[in-house]
Amino acid sequence: MPKCVYWNNKIPIADRHKTNARRNKINIRKVLYTIISANLENITNFMEKQKVPNRLGINKVLKDYVL
């Protein structure tokens, strides 16, 4: 198999995937933000049940428990 497969305009497919990933990253952030803001109450309740110190904040909880 060739190392680099070329598509139209001689853009390597690998590079095209990179640009697509960049574009998708923004969409994923938007989706995550929507999900999180919709479930904010559930998340805070979860934090209280897990006795997560409030100073850690929601970001920490999302990193450790959710994502």
C-alpha atoms as a PDB file:
ATOM      1  CA  MET A   1       0.000   0.000   0.000  1.00  0.00           C
ATOM      2  CA  PRO A   2       1.263   3.480  -0.783  1.00  0.00           C
ATOM      3  CA  LYS A   3       2.097   5.650   2.183  1.00  0.00           C
ATOM      4  CA  CYS A   4       0.102   8.606   0.923  1.00  0.00           C
ATOM      5  CA  VAL A   5      -3.039   8.338  -1.177  1.00  0.00           C
ATOM      6  CA  TYR A   6      -3.805  11.445  -3.207  1.00  0.00           C
ATOM      7  CA  TRP A   7      -7.261  12.756  -3.873  1.00  0.00           C
ATOM      8  CA  ASN A   8      -8.412  15.636  -6.060  1.00  0.00           C
ATOM      9  CA  ASN A   9      -6.086  18.674  -6.225  1.00  0.00           C
ATOM     10  CA  LYS A  10      -3.253  16.467  -4.946  1.00  0.00           C
ATOM     11  CA  ILE A  11      -4.258  16.954  -1.309  1.00  0.00           C
ATOM     12  CA  PRO A  12      -3.178  13.875   0.634  1.00  0.00           C
ATOM     13  CA  ILE A  13      -6.156  12.141   2.212  1.00  0.00           C
ATOM     14  CA  ALA A  14      -4.440  12.222   5.609  1.00  0.00           C
ATOM     15  CA  ASP A  15      -4.336  16.026   5.495  1.00  0.00           C
ATOM     16  CA  ARG A  16      -7.956  16.205   4.439  1.00  0.00           C
ATOM     17  CA  HIS A  17      -8.860  14.177   7.497  1.00  0.00           C
ATOM     18  CA  LYS A  18      -7.005  16.651   9.680  1.00  0.00           C
ATOM     19  CA  THR A  19      -9.051  19.574   8.381  1.00  0.00           C
ATOM     20  CA  ASN A  20     -12.256  17.587   8.821  1.00  0.00           C
ATOM     21  CA  ALA A  21     -11.262  16.791  12.386  1.00  0.00           C
ATOM     22  CA  ARG A  22     -10.706  20.472  13.079  1.00  0.00           C
ATOM     23  CA  ARG A  23     -14.137  21.275  11.703  1.00  0.00           C
ATOM     24  CA  ASN A  24     -15.766  18.497  13.702  1.00  0.00           C
ATOM     25  CA  LYS A  25     -14.053  19.465  16.943  1.00  0.00           C
ATOM     26  CA  ILE A  26     -16.064  22.694  17.040  1.00  0.00           C
ATOM     27  CA  ASN A  27     -19.295  20.797  16.424  1.00  0.00           C
ATOM     28  CA  ILE A  28     -18.486  18.300  19.169  1.00  0.00           C
ATOM     29  CA  ARG A  29     -17.830  21.175  21.589  1.00  0.00           C
ATOM     30  CA  LYS A  30     -21.198  22.704  20.718  1.00  0.00           C
ATOM     31  CA  VAL A  31     -22.956  19.384  21.204  1.00  0.00           C
ATOM     32  CA  LEU A  32     -21.219  18.721  24.517  1.00  0.00           C
ATOM     33  CA  TYR A  33     -22.036  22.234  25.719  1.00  0.00           C
ATOM     34  CA  THR A  34     -25.700  21.717  24.843  1.00  0.00           C
ATOM     35  CA  ILE A  35     -25.836  18.365  26.609  1.00  0.00           C
ATOM     36  CA  ILE A  36     -24.072  19.727  29.684  1.00  0.00           C
ATOM     37  CA  SER A  37     -26.211  22.847  29.971  1.00  0.00           C
ATOM     38  CA  ALA A  38     -29.353  20.739  29.555  1.00  0.00           C
ATOM     39  CA  ASN A  39     -28.233  18.366  32.317  1.00  0.00           C
ATOM     40  CA  LEU A  40     -26.701  20.945  34.624  1.00  0.00           C
ATOM     41  CA  GLU A  41     -29.143  20.193  37.429  1.00  0.00           C
ATOM     42  CA  ASN A  42     -28.441  16.462  37.217  1.00  0.00           C
ATOM     43  CA  ILE A  43     -24.716  17.112  37.230  1.00  0.00           C
ATOM     44  CA  THR A  44     -24.887  19.305  40.340  1.00  0.00           C
ATOM     45  CA  ASN A  45     -27.048  16.707  42.109  1.00  0.00           C
ATOM     46  CA  PHE A  46     -24.519  14.062  41.124  1.00  0.00           C
ATOM     47  CA  MET A  47     -21.731  16.221  42.537  1.00  0.00           C
ATOM     48  CA  GLU A  48     -23.537  16.526  45.857  1.00  0.00           C
ATOM     49  CA  LYS A  49     -24.164  12.775  46.037  1.00  0.00           C
ATOM     50  CA  GLN A  50     -20.529  11.992  45.240  1.00  0.00           C
ATOM     51  CA  LYS A  51     -19.500  14.633  47.808  1.00  0.00           C
ATOM     52  CA  VAL A  52     -17.306  16.374  45.260  1.00  0.00           C
ATOM     53  CA  PRO A  53     -15.873  19.567  46.762  1.00  0.00           C
ATOM     54  CA  ASN A  54     -17.586  22.470  45.065  1.00  0.00           C
ATOM     55  CA  ARG A  55     -14.323  24.321  44.474  1.00  0.00           C
ATOM     56  CA  LEU A  56     -13.298  21.591  42.021  1.00  0.00           C
ATOM     57  CA  GLY A  57     -16.043  22.848  39.788  1.00  0.00           C
ATOM     58  CA  ILE A  58     -18.026  21.188  37.067  1.00  0.00           C
ATOM     59  CA  ASN A  59     -15.097  20.986  34.633  1.00  0.00           C
ATOM     60  CA  LYS A  60     -13.190  18.699  36.979  1.00  0.00           C
ATOM     61  CA  VAL A  61     -16.250  16.524  37.510  1.00  0.00           C
ATOM     62  CA  LEU A  62     -16.827  16.221  33.784  1.00  0.00           C
ATOM     63  CA  LYS A  63     -13.199  15.257  33.195  1.00  0.00           C
ATOM     64  CA  ASP A  64     -13.029  12.706  36.012  1.00  0.00           C
ATOM     65  CA  TYR A  65     -16.483  11.187  36.174  1.00  0.00           C
ATOM     66  CA  VAL A  66     -18.187  11.784  32.842  1.00  0.00           C
ATOM     67  CA  LEU A  67     -15.715  11.977  29.964  1.00  0.00           C
END
